[in-house]
Amino acid sequence: MVMCAKCGHDISNGAAFCPSCGKPIAGIEAIRREKSSLVRQGAIVGLIGYAGLALIAGMLGFFYVFGEPSQPSPPSLAGAIKDMESDLHGEQMLQDATPFLLFVAVLLMVGLVCFVIGFVRANELGRSHLIALSSICLALSLVTLVVALAWLNIMLLCMGWMVGWQPVLMTVGAYKMLSASLKMPKDSPDAAI
């Protein structure tokens, strides 16, 4: 029998938590800290993937907005009509892509928030909450990977080193978070949310 350091109640040798106050036993707490550290490491890996995606998206947006200036053409009615048609076609393409771009933006923001929560609150969340958070991160990372493969399929063949590693890194980070969460000791009966 061991005495609880918090409430003084007698605890059996095999117990992970005090039956009176719910305080984890010292060995279990060390395992919890180690696994929380692994969850944080996974969150850092995922955040690096998100930072890479943000950098690439920023560069693409910059080049789209401030891209190569058009060459001035001699003023003619045919040239003006052609320029207007080209501008209208570009605007229509952007309008057609807006729902998809909004979906991707929401997907990335929710995933980013989940990874940040995993990094900041890994030591405070219970096992079941970390498993849920890690599962959400993994699901969002896999969806991001599938979207990247579907949308950038040709670009990934040509420039995979530039645009393909971020979703893979996010998925690896989320998997690492989930793996560490599953190896954590069970929550105490009154674990804080």
Protein backbone atom coordinates (compact mmCIF):
# COMPACT_ATOMS: atom_id res chain seq x y z
CA MET A 1 0.00 0.00 0.00
CA VAL A 2 1.11 3.52 -0.86
CA MET A 3 -0.08 6.78 0.70
CA CYS A 4 -1.47 9.51 -1.58
CA ALA A 5 0.70 12.64 -1.49
CA LYS A 6 -2.36 14.88 -1.93
CA CYS A 7 -5.01 13.54 0.46
CA GLY A 8 -3.17 10.90 2.53
CA HIS A 9 -5.55 8.06 1.56
CA ASP A 10 -4.10 4.54 1.24
CA ILE A 11 -3.70 3.38 -2.36
CA SER A 12 -3.13 -0.18 -3.55
CA ASN A 13 0.15 -0.85 -5.35
CA GLY A 14 -1.43 -1.49 -8.77
CA ALA A 15 -3.63 1.63 -8.84
CA ALA A 16 -2.91 4.40 -11.33
CA PHE A 17 -4.98 7.02 -9.46
CA CYS A 18 -5.97 7.71 -5.87
CA PRO A 19 -9.54 6.40 -5.37
CA SER A 20 -10.27 9.28 -2.99
CA CYS A 21 -9.01 12.40 -4.80
CA GLY A 22 -8.14 11.11 -8.29
CA LYS A 23 -4.48 12.26 -8.19
CA PRO A 24 -2.30 10.22 -10.58
CA ILE A 25 0.47 8.11 -9.06
CA ALA A 26 4.02 9.43 -9.72
CA GLY A 27 5.00 6.79 -12.34
CA ILE A 28 1.84 7.39 -14.32
CA GLU A 29 2.44 11.15 -14.21
CA ALA A 30 5.93 10.70 -15.70
CA ILE A 31 4.49 8.61 -18.55
CA ARG A 32 1.81 11.26 -19.10
CA ARG A 33 4.42 14.04 -19.33
CA GLU A 34 6.48 11.99 -21.79
CA LYS A 35 3.49 11.28 -24.02
CA SER A 36 2.33 14.91 -23.79
CA SER A 37 5.77 15.90 -25.01
CA LEU A 38 5.37 13.55 -27.99
CA VAL A 39 1.95 15.05 -28.73
CA ARG A 40 3.54 18.51 -28.73
CA GLN A 41 6.30 17.31 -31.06
CA GLY A 42 3.67 15.97 -33.47
CA ALA A 43 1.84 19.29 -33.31
CA ILE A 44 5.09 21.11 -34.15
CA VAL A 45 5.61 18.87 -37.20
CA GLY A 46 2.03 19.61 -38.32
CA LEU A 47 2.50 23.34 -37.78
CA ILE A 48 5.65 23.27 -39.92
CA GLY A 49 3.55 21.72 -42.70
CA TYR A 50 0.94 24.46 -42.28
CA ALA A 51 3.65 27.14 -42.35
CA GLY A 52 4.92 25.67 -45.63
CA LEU A 53 1.41 25.72 -47.09
CA ALA A 54 0.95 29.34 -46.00
CA LEU A 55 4.26 30.29 -47.62
CA ILE A 56 3.39 28.60 -50.91
CA ALA A 57 -0.15 30.05 -50.90
CA GLY A 58 1.26 33.51 -50.17
CA MET A 59 3.74 33.23 -53.01
CA LEU A 60 1.08 32.02 -55.45
CA GLY A 61 -1.28 34.81 -54.34
CA PHE A 62 1.49 37.40 -54.71
CA PHE A 63 2.33 36.23 -58.21
CA TYR A 64 -1.35 36.13 -59.12
CA VAL A 65 -1.96 39.69 -57.95
CA PHE A 66 1.38 41.26 -58.90
CA GLY A 67 2.26 38.91 -61.73
CA GLU A 68 3.97 39.73 -64.94
CA PRO A 69 2.66 43.03 -66.29
CA SER A 70 0.87 42.77 -69.57
CA GLN A 71 2.64 44.16 -72.56
CA PRO A 72 1.00 47.29 -73.86
CA SER A 73 -0.55 46.61 -77.20
CA PRO A 74 -1.17 49.17 -79.84
CA PRO A 75 -4.56 50.75 -79.30
CA SER A 76 -7.06 48.99 -81.49
CA LEU A 77 -10.66 47.97 -81.09
CA ALA A 78 -9.86 44.28 -81.59
CA GLY A 79 -7.09 44.43 -78.98
CA ALA A 80 -9.35 46.18 -76.47
CA ILE A 81 -12.11 43.60 -76.99
CA LYS A 82 -9.61 40.75 -76.61
CA ASP A 83 -8.30 42.27 -73.35
CA MET A 84 -11.85 42.66 -72.00
CA GLU A 85 -12.72 39.07 -72.91
CA SER A 86 -9.55 37.85 -71.20
CA ASP A 87 -10.35 39.87 -68.06
CA LEU A 88 -13.94 38.57 -67.99
CA HIS A 89 -12.73 34.99 -68.44
CA GLY A 90 -10.28 35.42 -65.54
CA GLU A 91 -12.98 36.89 -63.31
CA GLN A 92 -15.37 34.04 -64.20
CA MET A 93 -12.67 31.48 -63.36
CA LEU A 94 -12.14 33.15 -59.98
CA GLN A 95 -15.90 33.19 -59.31
CA ASP A 96 -16.15 29.51 -60.23
CA ALA A 97 -13.24 28.65 -57.93
CA THR A 98 -14.48 30.70 -54.96
CA PRO A 99 -16.47 27.90 -53.22
CA PHE A 100 -13.51 25.54 -53.55
CA LEU A 101 -11.08 28.17 -52.29
CA LEU A 102 -13.35 28.93 -49.32
CA PHE A 103 -13.56 25.20 -48.50
CA VAL A 104 -9.77 24.91 -48.60
CA ALA A 105 -9.34 28.05 -46.47
CA VAL A 106 -11.78 26.78 -43.81
CA LEU A 107 -10.16 23.35 -43.89
CA LEU A 108 -6.73 24.85 -43.35
CA MET A 109 -7.86 27.23 -40.60
CA VAL A 110 -9.62 24.49 -38.61
CA GLY A 111 -6.60 22.22 -38.97
CA LEU A 112 -4.26 25.00 -37.91
CA VAL A 113 -6.37 25.72 -34.82
CA CYS A 114 -6.40 22.02 -33.90
CA PHE A 115 -2.61 21.75 -34.18
CA VAL A 116 -2.15 24.93 -32.12
CA ILE A 117 -4.48 23.57 -29.42
CA GLY A 118 -2.52 20.31 -29.45
CA PHE A 119 0.73 22.21 -29.01
CA VAL A 120 -0.47 24.62 -26.33
CA ARG A 121 -2.74 22.36 -24.27
CA ALA A 122 -1.10 18.92 -24.60
CA ASN A 123 -0.15 18.86 -20.92
CA GLU A 124 -3.61 19.94 -19.72
CA LEU A 125 -5.98 17.83 -21.83
CA GLY A 126 -6.97 14.33 -20.80
CA ARG A 127 -6.25 11.25 -22.89
CA SER A 128 -9.70 11.07 -24.45
CA HIS A 129 -9.63 14.76 -25.45
CA LEU A 130 -6.16 14.39 -26.94
CA ILE A 131 -7.29 11.33 -28.90
CA ALA A 132 -10.27 13.28 -30.26
CA LEU A 133 -8.12 16.32 -31.11
CA SER A 134 -5.44 14.17 -32.75
CA SER A 135 -8.09 12.30 -34.75
CA ILE A 136 -9.50 15.58 -36.04
CA CYS A 137 -5.99 16.75 -36.99
CA LEU A 138 -5.34 13.46 -38.80
CA ALA A 139 -8.66 13.59 -40.67
CA LEU A 140 -8.11 17.21 -41.76
CA SER A 141 -4.53 16.45 -42.79
CA LEU A 142 -5.64 13.48 -44.88
CA VAL A 143 -8.36 15.58 -46.56
CA THR A 144 -5.74 18.26 -47.27
CA LEU A 145 -3.45 15.61 -48.74
CA VAL A 146 -6.23 14.23 -50.97
CA VAL A 147 -7.21 17.75 -52.11
CA ALA A 148 -3.58 18.54 -52.87
CA LEU A 149 -3.18 15.32 -54.85
CA ALA A 150 -6.42 15.88 -56.76
CA TRP A 151 -5.98 19.59 -57.43
CA LEU A 152 -2.25 19.71 -57.99
CA ASN A 153 -1.79 16.33 -59.65
CA ILE A 154 0.23 17.56 -62.61
CA MET A 155 2.05 20.19 -60.57
CA LEU A 156 3.05 17.53 -58.03
CA LEU A 157 4.72 15.56 -60.80
CA CYS A 158 6.69 18.60 -61.92
CA MET A 159 7.30 20.39 -58.62
CA GLY A 160 6.51 17.84 -55.91
CA TRP A 161 9.46 19.03 -53.85
CA MET A 162 7.84 22.45 -53.62
CA VAL A 163 4.15 21.73 -53.07
CA GLY A 164 3.84 18.08 -52.05
CA TRP A 165 5.69 17.87 -48.74
CA GLN A 166 3.44 20.11 -46.63
CA PRO A 167 0.32 17.89 -46.52
CA VAL A 168 2.53 14.84 -45.98
CA LEU A 169 4.28 16.57 -43.07
CA MET A 170 0.91 17.59 -41.59
CA THR A 171 -0.31 14.00 -41.82
CA VAL A 172 2.86 12.67 -40.20
CA GLY A 173 2.52 15.20 -37.37
CA ALA A 174 -1.12 14.29 -36.78
CA TYR A 175 -0.27 10.57 -36.80
CA LYS A 176 2.47 11.20 -34.26
CA MET A 177 0.01 13.10 -32.05
CA LEU A 178 -2.56 10.30 -32.26
CA SER A 179 0.01 7.59 -31.60
CA ALA A 180 1.28 9.35 -28.47
CA SER A 181 -2.28 10.04 -27.28
CA LEU A 182 -3.25 6.39 -27.59
CA LYS A 183 -0.24 5.35 -25.48
CA MET A 184 -1.15 7.73 -22.64
CA PRO A 185 -2.45 6.28 -19.38
CA LYS A 186 -6.22 6.37 -18.92
CA ASP A 187 -7.79 9.58 -17.59
CA SER A 188 -8.53 9.88 -13.92
CA PRO A 189 -12.25 9.80 -13.04
CA ASP A 190 -12.35 13.57 -12.57
CA ALA A 191 -9.90 14.68 -15.28
CA ALA A 192 -10.29 18.33 -16.21
CA ILE A 193 -11.52 19.29 -19.66
